[in-house]
């Protein structure tokens, strides 16, 4: 009986240790993201005080690690858009949604860049990337009534906005256009509002 009890304790200890190791690796991602440091498997392993081989035993690649670390770090769309919940103006709402996403990207910039780089290197993993923008776009446009008036225009607008309201767009503005982060956000907000206003105005003019 004593030997059986010892075995149970040993199994429990190993399970707890694995959970602690996994949590330490995930916490290391968050810590590196907050500091703005580059996120790679070696840097995460070092920050978590584990070997790189150990990190790979828990997560087969960096994209898998970043995906799990991303869980629960963004508010749901309704919560994110709560400050404009009173408004039914899709232009105002999409502008706010754009700002929310871009500020979130900047707050987690190194993790987002690592995710983009990892998915580019492994195209098959691209579909696994977080798609926070789509939930925000959907929630922002919901009160516009476009689904009833012009579903095709709504589908096209969603696609167009997915290009504008994205980390890739933000990094194009900062890295290639040389804009400061705040100016890059304003540029993206302007583009998203302009796109939305044009589609809503055209839909409203139709009989």
Foldseek 3Di string as FASTA:
>chain_A
DVVVVVVVVVVVVVVVVVVLLLVLLLVLLVVCQQVVHADALCSSCVSSVHHSVVSCVVPVGLLRSLLVSCPPPDDQQCVQQVVCPVDLDLLVQQLSLLLSLLVVCSSRVNSVVVNVVVCVVPVVCPVVDDQRSLRNNCVSNVSLCCCVQPVVLSVVLSVVLSVLSDPVQLCCCCVVVVDDSVVSSVVSSVVNSVSVVVSSVVSVPDD
